[in-house]
Protein backbone atom coordinates (compact mmCIF):
# COMPACT_ATOMS: atom_id res chain seq x y z
CA MET A 1 -24.75 -45.09 -95.27
CA PRO A 2 -21.73 -45.97 -93.12
CA TYR A 3 -18.47 -44.46 -94.31
CA ASP A 4 -16.84 -47.85 -94.99
CA THR A 5 -19.76 -49.19 -97.03
CA LYS A 6 -18.88 -49.32 -100.72
CA PRO A 7 -21.60 -47.55 -102.73
CA VAL A 8 -22.86 -49.45 -105.76
CA PRO A 9 -25.06 -48.44 -108.70
CA PRO A 10 -28.82 -49.03 -108.34
CA PRO A 11 -29.52 -52.64 -109.37
CA ASP A 12 -31.98 -51.75 -112.15
CA LEU A 13 -29.56 -49.26 -113.73
CA HIS A 14 -26.65 -51.70 -113.54
CA ARG A 15 -28.71 -54.54 -115.02
CA GLU A 16 -29.88 -52.39 -117.91
CA ALA A 17 -26.37 -51.12 -118.60
CA ALA A 18 -25.00 -54.70 -118.50
CA ARG A 19 -27.78 -55.89 -120.84
CA GLN A 20 -27.05 -53.24 -123.44
CA LEU A 21 -23.28 -53.63 -123.19
CA GLN A 22 -23.54 -57.41 -123.66
CA ILE A 23 -25.57 -56.90 -126.85
CA CYS A 24 -22.96 -54.40 -128.07
CA ASN A 25 -20.24 -56.92 -127.22
CA ALA A 26 -21.97 -59.52 -129.40
CA CYS A 27 -22.57 -57.13 -132.30
CA ARG A 28 -19.26 -55.22 -132.45
CA TYR A 29 -20.37 -52.95 -135.29
CA CYS A 30 -19.12 -49.83 -133.44
CA GLU A 31 -15.60 -51.10 -132.74
CA GLY A 32 -13.79 -48.03 -134.08
CA TYR A 33 -16.07 -45.33 -132.71
CA CYS A 34 -14.31 -44.49 -129.43
CA ASP A 35 -12.31 -46.01 -126.56
CA VAL A 36 -15.44 -47.49 -124.96
CA PHE A 37 -15.77 -50.31 -127.49
CA PRO A 38 -12.26 -51.85 -127.53
CA GLU A 39 -12.37 -51.67 -123.74
CA LEU A 40 -15.74 -53.44 -123.74
CA PHE A 41 -14.71 -56.09 -126.24
CA ALA A 42 -11.69 -57.01 -124.10
CA LEU A 43 -13.94 -57.96 -121.16
CA PRO A 44 -15.10 -61.57 -120.69
CA GLU A 45 -18.10 -60.18 -118.80
CA VAL A 46 -19.25 -56.74 -117.69
CA GLY A 47 -19.00 -56.25 -113.94
CA SER A 48 -20.42 -53.30 -112.04
CA GLY A 49 -17.08 -51.48 -111.83
CA ASP A 50 -16.39 -52.16 -115.52
CA ALA A 51 -19.70 -50.60 -116.57
CA VAL A 52 -19.05 -47.51 -114.44
CA ARG A 53 -15.53 -47.17 -115.89
CA LEU A 54 -16.85 -47.44 -119.47
CA ALA A 55 -19.58 -44.92 -118.70
CA ASN A 56 -16.98 -42.37 -117.60
CA ILE A 57 -14.88 -42.93 -120.72
CA CYS A 58 -17.95 -42.23 -122.90
CA HIS A 59 -18.21 -38.65 -124.23
CA ASN A 60 -21.90 -39.01 -125.16
CA CYS A 61 -21.12 -38.26 -128.81
CA ARG A 62 -24.08 -40.49 -129.81
CA GLY A 63 -22.57 -41.80 -133.02
CA CYS A 64 -23.07 -45.39 -131.88
CA HIS A 65 -26.78 -44.77 -131.31
CA TYR A 66 -27.48 -43.38 -134.76
CA ALA A 67 -25.55 -46.28 -136.32
CA CYS A 68 -27.20 -48.94 -134.14
CA GLN A 69 -29.50 -51.52 -135.78
CA TYR A 70 -30.87 -52.42 -132.34
CA ALA A 71 -32.00 -48.94 -131.34
CA PRO A 72 -35.77 -48.31 -131.01
CA PRO A 73 -38.10 -49.36 -132.55
CA HIS A 74 -36.15 -52.65 -132.43
CA GLU A 75 -37.30 -54.89 -129.58
CA PHE A 76 -33.81 -54.75 -128.00
CA ALA A 77 -34.39 -50.98 -127.54
CA LEU A 78 -30.72 -50.06 -127.17
CA ASN A 79 -29.92 -46.54 -126.06
CA LEU A 80 -26.29 -46.94 -125.06
CA PRO A 81 -25.47 -43.20 -124.82
CA GLY A 82 -28.48 -42.71 -122.54
CA VAL A 83 -27.81 -45.62 -120.18
CA LEU A 84 -24.11 -44.79 -119.94
CA ALA A 85 -25.00 -41.14 -119.22
CA ASP A 86 -27.31 -42.29 -116.40
CA LEU A 87 -24.62 -44.58 -115.00
CA ARG A 88 -21.99 -41.83 -115.26
CA GLN A 89 -24.27 -39.35 -113.54
CA ASP A 90 -25.04 -41.87 -110.81
CA SER A 91 -21.32 -42.45 -110.17
CA TRP A 92 -20.71 -38.72 -109.65
CA GLU A 93 -23.64 -38.41 -107.27
CA ARG A 94 -22.87 -41.52 -105.22
CA HIS A 95 -19.29 -40.47 -104.58
CA ALA A 96 -20.06 -36.84 -103.74
CA ARG A 97 -20.12 -35.79 -100.10
CA PRO A 98 -22.89 -35.25 -99.24
CA ALA A 99 -24.52 -36.97 -102.23
CA ALA A 100 -27.79 -35.12 -101.62
CA LEU A 101 -26.20 -31.82 -102.65
CA ALA A 102 -25.22 -33.29 -106.02
CA ARG A 103 -28.76 -34.56 -106.59
CA VAL A 104 -30.27 -31.20 -105.65
CA PHE A 105 -27.99 -29.29 -108.00
CA HIS A 106 -28.37 -31.57 -110.99
CA ARG A 107 -32.14 -31.53 -110.76
CA ASN A 108 -32.55 -27.83 -109.91
CA GLY A 109 -29.29 -26.44 -111.23
CA LEU A 110 -30.46 -23.20 -112.80
CA ALA A 111 -32.34 -22.13 -109.67
CA VAL A 112 -29.54 -23.19 -107.29
CA ALA A 113 -26.80 -21.47 -109.30
CA ALA A 114 -28.82 -18.28 -109.78
CA ALA A 115 -29.71 -18.07 -106.08
CA LEU A 116 -26.11 -18.62 -104.96
CA VAL A 117 -24.64 -16.12 -107.43
CA ALA A 118 -27.20 -13.52 -106.40
CA GLY A 119 -26.66 -14.16 -102.69
CA PHE A 120 -22.86 -14.12 -102.83
CA ALA A 121 -22.84 -11.07 -105.11
CA ALA A 122 -25.04 -9.21 -102.63
CA LEU A 123 -22.76 -10.22 -99.75
CA ILE A 124 -19.60 -9.15 -101.58
CA GLY A 125 -21.33 -5.97 -102.71
CA ALA A 126 -21.99 -5.17 -99.06
CA LEU A 127 -18.32 -5.81 -98.24
CA THR A 128 -17.17 -3.47 -101.02
CA ALA A 129 -19.20 -0.71 -99.36
CA LEU A 130 -16.76 -1.00 -96.45
CA ARG A 131 -13.85 0.11 -98.60
CA PRO A 132 -10.34 -0.59 -97.27
CA GLU A 133 -8.23 2.36 -96.24
CA SER A 134 -5.71 1.70 -99.00
CA GLY A 135 -5.39 -0.30 -102.19
CA THR A 136 -5.46 0.15 -105.94
CA GLY A 137 -7.52 -1.43 -108.70
CA PHE A 138 -9.91 -4.06 -107.38
CA TYR A 139 -8.20 -3.92 -103.99
CA ALA A 140 -9.53 -0.38 -103.59
CA TRP A 141 -12.93 -2.02 -103.10
CA LEU A 142 -12.06 -5.31 -101.43
CA SER A 143 -8.70 -5.88 -99.76
CA HIS A 144 -6.34 -8.64 -100.81
CA GLY A 145 -6.55 -10.14 -97.32
CA ALA A 146 -10.34 -10.29 -97.50
CA MET A 147 -10.22 -12.01 -100.89
CA VAL A 148 -7.77 -14.62 -99.62
CA ALA A 149 -9.84 -15.22 -96.47
CA ILE A 150 -12.95 -15.82 -98.59
CA PHE A 151 -11.62 -17.70 -101.59
CA LEU A 152 -8.79 -19.88 -100.25
CA PRO A 153 -11.09 -22.06 -98.09
CA ALA A 154 -13.75 -21.99 -100.82
CA PHE A 155 -11.16 -23.37 -103.25
CA LEU A 156 -9.43 -25.94 -101.05
CA ALA A 157 -12.45 -27.45 -99.27
CA PRO A 158 -14.25 -28.51 -102.49
CA LEU A 159 -10.98 -29.97 -103.81
CA ALA A 160 -10.75 -32.12 -100.68
CA VAL A 161 -14.35 -33.32 -101.18
CA LEU A 162 -13.60 -34.07 -104.83
CA ALA A 163 -10.42 -35.98 -103.90
CA LEU A 164 -12.38 -38.23 -101.52
CA GLY A 165 -14.91 -38.97 -104.24
CA LEU A 166 -12.17 -39.77 -106.75
CA ARG A 167 -10.53 -42.13 -104.28
CA ASP A 168 -13.77 -44.08 -103.90
CA PHE A 169 -14.36 -44.03 -107.65
CA TRP A 170 -10.87 -45.40 -108.31
CA ARG A 171 -11.54 -48.27 -105.94
CA GLU A 172 -14.90 -49.00 -107.54
CA ILE A 173 -13.49 -49.28 -111.06
CA GLY A 174 -10.60 -51.45 -109.88
CA GLY A 175 -7.86 -48.97 -110.68
CA GLY A 176 -4.35 -50.19 -110.05
CA ARG A 177 -1.02 -48.37 -110.15
CA PRO A 178 -0.80 -46.48 -113.46
CA THR A 179 2.48 -46.43 -115.33
CA LEU A 180 4.13 -43.45 -116.98
CA ALA A 181 2.83 -44.74 -120.31
CA ASP A 182 -0.71 -44.77 -118.88
CA TRP A 183 -0.35 -41.14 -117.83
CA ARG A 184 0.98 -40.13 -121.27
CA ARG A 185 -1.85 -41.93 -123.03
CA MET A 186 -4.48 -40.37 -120.78
CA LEU A 187 -3.12 -36.83 -121.12
CA ALA A 188 -2.89 -37.17 -124.90
CA SER A 189 -6.51 -38.32 -125.05
CA VAL A 190 -7.67 -35.45 -122.84
CA ALA A 191 -5.68 -32.80 -124.68
CA SER A 192 -6.91 -33.88 -128.11
CA LEU A 193 -10.42 -35.00 -127.06
CA SER A 194 -9.84 -37.97 -129.34
CA ASN A 195 -13.07 -39.65 -128.22
CA LEU A 196 -15.06 -36.86 -129.86
CA SER A 197 -13.46 -37.57 -133.23
CA GLY A 198 -15.93 -40.27 -134.26
CA GLY A 199 -13.19 -42.87 -134.66
CA ALA A 200 -12.18 -41.84 -138.18
CA GLY A 201 -11.76 -38.18 -137.27
CA GLN A 202 -14.95 -36.92 -138.91
CA GLY A 203 -16.52 -35.69 -135.66
CA CYS A 204 -19.53 -36.81 -133.67
CA ASN A 205 -23.30 -36.77 -133.99
CA PHE A 206 -24.28 -34.94 -130.81
CA GLU A 207 -26.42 -32.20 -132.37
CA ARG A 208 -26.79 -33.29 -135.99
CA GLU A 209 -27.98 -36.88 -135.60
CA GLU A 210 -26.89 -38.88 -138.66
CA ARG A 211 -24.56 -36.12 -139.88
CA TYR A 212 -21.07 -35.72 -138.43
CA SER A 213 -19.89 -32.46 -136.91
CA GLN A 214 -16.72 -31.19 -135.25
CA ALA A 215 -18.62 -28.41 -133.46
CA ARG A 216 -18.82 -30.11 -130.07
CA ARG A 217 -15.15 -31.08 -130.13
CA HIS A 218 -14.14 -27.51 -130.97
CA ALA A 219 -16.43 -26.10 -128.25
CA HIS A 220 -14.94 -28.49 -125.70
CA GLN A 221 -11.42 -27.57 -126.79
CA ALA A 222 -12.16 -23.86 -126.41
CA THR A 223 -13.69 -24.44 -122.97
CA LEU A 224 -10.87 -26.72 -121.78
CA TRP A 225 -7.99 -24.54 -122.91
CA GLY A 226 -9.77 -21.33 -121.93
CA PHE A 227 -10.19 -22.69 -118.41
CA VAL A 228 -6.55 -23.84 -118.28
CA MET A 229 -5.37 -20.38 -119.38
CA CYS A 230 -7.55 -18.62 -116.81
CA PHE A 231 -6.26 -20.92 -114.08
CA GLY A 232 -2.74 -20.20 -115.32
CA ALA A 233 -3.44 -16.46 -115.11
CA THR A 234 -4.53 -16.81 -111.48
CA SER A 235 -1.48 -18.95 -110.69
CA ALA A 236 0.84 -16.41 -112.37
CA GLY A 237 -0.71 -13.59 -110.36
CA THR A 238 -0.27 -15.55 -107.15
CA LEU A 239 3.38 -16.24 -107.95
CA MET A 240 4.04 -12.60 -108.84
CA HIS A 241 2.36 -11.39 -105.63
CA TYR A 242 3.94 -13.77 -103.13
CA GLY A 243 7.12 -14.74 -104.96
CA PHE A 244 8.22 -11.40 -106.40
CA GLY A 245 6.26 -8.85 -104.37
CA LEU A 246 4.50 -7.55 -107.50
CA GLU A 247 0.95 -6.65 -106.54
CA ALA A 248 -2.11 -6.26 -108.77
CA PRO A 249 -3.36 -4.56 -110.83
CA TYR A 250 -1.21 -5.90 -113.66
CA GLY A 251 -0.70 -4.40 -117.10
CA LEU A 252 -1.99 -5.84 -120.36
CA LEU A 253 1.42 -7.34 -121.25
CA SER A 254 1.85 -9.08 -117.89
CA PRO A 255 1.52 -12.90 -117.64
CA PRO A 256 -1.84 -12.77 -115.79
CA LYS A 257 -3.39 -10.65 -118.54
CA LEU A 258 -1.67 -12.42 -121.45
CA LEU A 259 -3.17 -15.66 -120.17
CA GLY A 260 -6.40 -14.38 -118.63
CA VAL A 261 -7.82 -12.22 -121.43
CA PRO A 262 -7.53 -14.73 -124.31
CA GLY A 263 -8.43 -17.51 -121.88
CA GLY A 264 -11.58 -15.68 -120.84
CA ILE A 265 -12.54 -15.10 -124.48
CA LEU A 266 -12.00 -18.77 -125.30
CA LEU A 267 -14.03 -19.80 -122.27
CA CYS A 268 -16.90 -17.51 -123.28
CA LEU A 269 -16.93 -18.81 -126.84
CA GLY A 270 -16.64 -22.45 -125.79
CA THR A 271 -19.37 -22.39 -123.15
CA ALA A 272 -21.74 -20.38 -125.35
CA ALA A 273 -21.26 -22.96 -128.12
CA LEU A 274 -21.80 -25.86 -125.69
CA ALA A 275 -25.03 -24.29 -124.43
CA TRP A 276 -26.28 -23.83 -128.02
CA LEU A 277 -25.37 -27.41 -128.95
CA ARG A 278 -27.16 -28.75 -125.90
CA LEU A 279 -30.31 -26.99 -127.05
CA GLN A 280 -30.07 -28.80 -130.41
CA ALA A 281 -29.45 -32.30 -129.06
CA GLU A 282 -31.96 -35.04 -128.24
CA ARG A 283 -32.45 -35.06 -124.48
CA GLN A 284 -33.39 -38.74 -124.27
CA LEU A 285 -29.84 -39.67 -125.28
CA GLY A 286 -28.37 -37.96 -122.21
CA ALA A 287 -28.76 -38.47 -118.47
CA ARG A 288 -32.38 -38.31 -117.37
CA GLY A 289 -33.65 -35.45 -115.25
CA VAL A 290 -30.39 -33.48 -115.03
CA TRP A 291 -30.59 -31.27 -118.13
CA GLY A 292 -31.04 -28.17 -115.97
CA GLY A 293 -27.96 -28.95 -113.89
CA GLU A 294 -25.81 -29.54 -116.96
CA MET A 295 -26.99 -26.31 -118.58
CA ALA A 296 -26.53 -24.40 -115.31
CA PHE A 297 -22.90 -25.55 -115.11
CA VAL A 298 -22.16 -24.36 -118.65
CA LEU A 299 -23.89 -21.02 -118.07
CA LEU A 300 -22.08 -20.56 -114.74
CA LEU A 301 -18.72 -21.00 -116.48
CA PHE A 302 -19.85 -18.50 -119.12
CA LEU A 303 -20.84 -16.00 -116.42
CA VAL A 304 -17.48 -16.37 -114.65
CA SER A 305 -15.53 -15.63 -117.83
CA ALA A 306 -17.85 -12.95 -119.22
CA SER A 307 -18.05 -11.04 -115.94
CA GLY A 308 -14.26 -11.22 -115.58
CA LEU A 309 -13.75 -9.73 -119.04
CA ALA A 310 -16.37 -7.06 -118.37
CA LEU A 311 -14.68 -6.19 -115.08
CA TYR A 312 -11.32 -5.77 -116.78
CA ALA A 313 -12.88 -3.62 -119.53
CA ALA A 314 -14.58 -1.43 -116.89
CA SER A 315 -11.37 -0.73 -114.93
CA GLY A 316 -11.34 2.81 -113.57
CA THR A 317 -15.08 3.38 -114.08
CA GLY A 318 -18.00 3.54 -111.67
CA ALA A 319 -19.17 0.10 -112.82
CA VAL A 320 -16.31 -1.66 -111.03
CA PRO A 321 -18.02 -2.29 -107.64
CA ALA A 322 -21.12 -3.93 -109.16
CA LEU A 323 -19.13 -5.97 -111.69
CA LEU A 324 -16.62 -7.00 -109.02
CA ALA A 325 -19.44 -8.26 -106.80
CA LEU A 326 -21.03 -10.16 -109.71
CA HIS A 327 -17.75 -11.71 -110.85
CA LEU A 328 -16.61 -12.76 -107.38
CA GLY A 329 -20.09 -14.07 -106.59
CA ALA A 330 -19.97 -16.23 -109.72
CA VAL A 331 -16.44 -17.46 -108.97
CA LEU A 332 -17.35 -18.30 -105.36
CA THR A 333 -20.44 -20.20 -106.54
CA PHE A 334 -18.35 -22.10 -109.08
CA PHE A 335 -15.76 -23.09 -106.48
CA LEU A 336 -18.26 -24.25 -103.86
CA LEU A 337 -20.37 -26.23 -106.35
CA THR A 338 -17.39 -27.92 -108.06
CA PRO A 339 -17.82 -31.37 -106.38
CA TYR A 340 -21.53 -31.39 -107.25
CA THR A 341 -21.54 -30.14 -110.85
CA LYS A 342 -20.46 -31.62 -114.14
CA MET A 343 -17.03 -30.13 -113.45
CA VAL A 344 -16.20 -33.50 -111.88
CA HIS A 345 -16.59 -35.26 -115.23
CA GLY A 346 -13.11 -34.20 -116.32
CA PHE A 347 -11.48 -35.71 -113.23
CA TYR A 348 -13.55 -38.91 -113.36
CA ARG A 349 -12.89 -39.34 -117.08
CA MET A 350 -9.15 -38.96 -116.55
CA ALA A 351 -9.31 -41.62 -113.82
CA ALA A 352 -11.31 -43.93 -116.09
CA LEU A 353 -8.79 -43.45 -118.92
CA LEU A 354 -5.91 -44.17 -116.53
CA ALA A 355 -7.58 -47.45 -115.55
CA ARG A 356 -7.99 -48.62 -119.16
CA ARG A 357 -7.33 -52.31 -119.74
CA VAL A 358 -6.28 -52.15 -123.45
């Protein structure tokens, strides 16, 4: 596909999404469920970009499906969470560069993630055998310079790929110039995960069908804030190293540890809960054929946080080299796969919320 050609959803998927959304627009029973429905009801007709924008606002809570009078076995056969999940997944894959890598991961995620973690861990393990002449803590096994040389490009290059995809996505959904109020509204929605509240605050139906539950919202909150705290810990360590000349290892009461340890625990708890909930949910109400990729992403985040906590607990013991290789291998895999995993959903959802019409 030429670079300047605007990618569009597959015709059959777009037609099916438009069909179901038009029926929902006529019914309007689910008006208070989440932000998707007032956005939908404000549209005179559902264009391709509109459907993709609505799909990325959807949290797949599934409450609308279990309340729907037109769901199977009705002849209309509505499965709005499923078709929006397919459309959302398609938007991530089309805008990835190269798109083939996203398709490979989402359909073979467990195998791809496991192979990369194992390969990178073995490579880093071999590097730790060539111990630097000086250094303390983790740097006694792998120098600070070596870590920067490996991880800085692995962090920045995927961000550049993700930024290009977001640019194309913003154009597709017809995003304009957001105001300060738009940014405040979006950030408030993201921070509170209001679209997992079921409209009236009773929760969603992801894993319990007709019964409401707050479990998925709490698991997402733990994962989100755990990740933010871990990123903050890394940022604090970087600032202390380059800004104040304070080199690792840092003590328990230092900012990197005060953020990183509870953040890692939250991330472990949140991702473990998300994996368990995914095992309970009906697969046909999610994106087709990508269950393995979604589960692999959650388990990869769990491995990053769990191995980091284990590495900290093992400080000063003979287990450090193996745990360091495993942790850095998991982190490197996570960084490099970021544009092709479900990690992009947070960025795309924020863009979709910024482009809201009502």
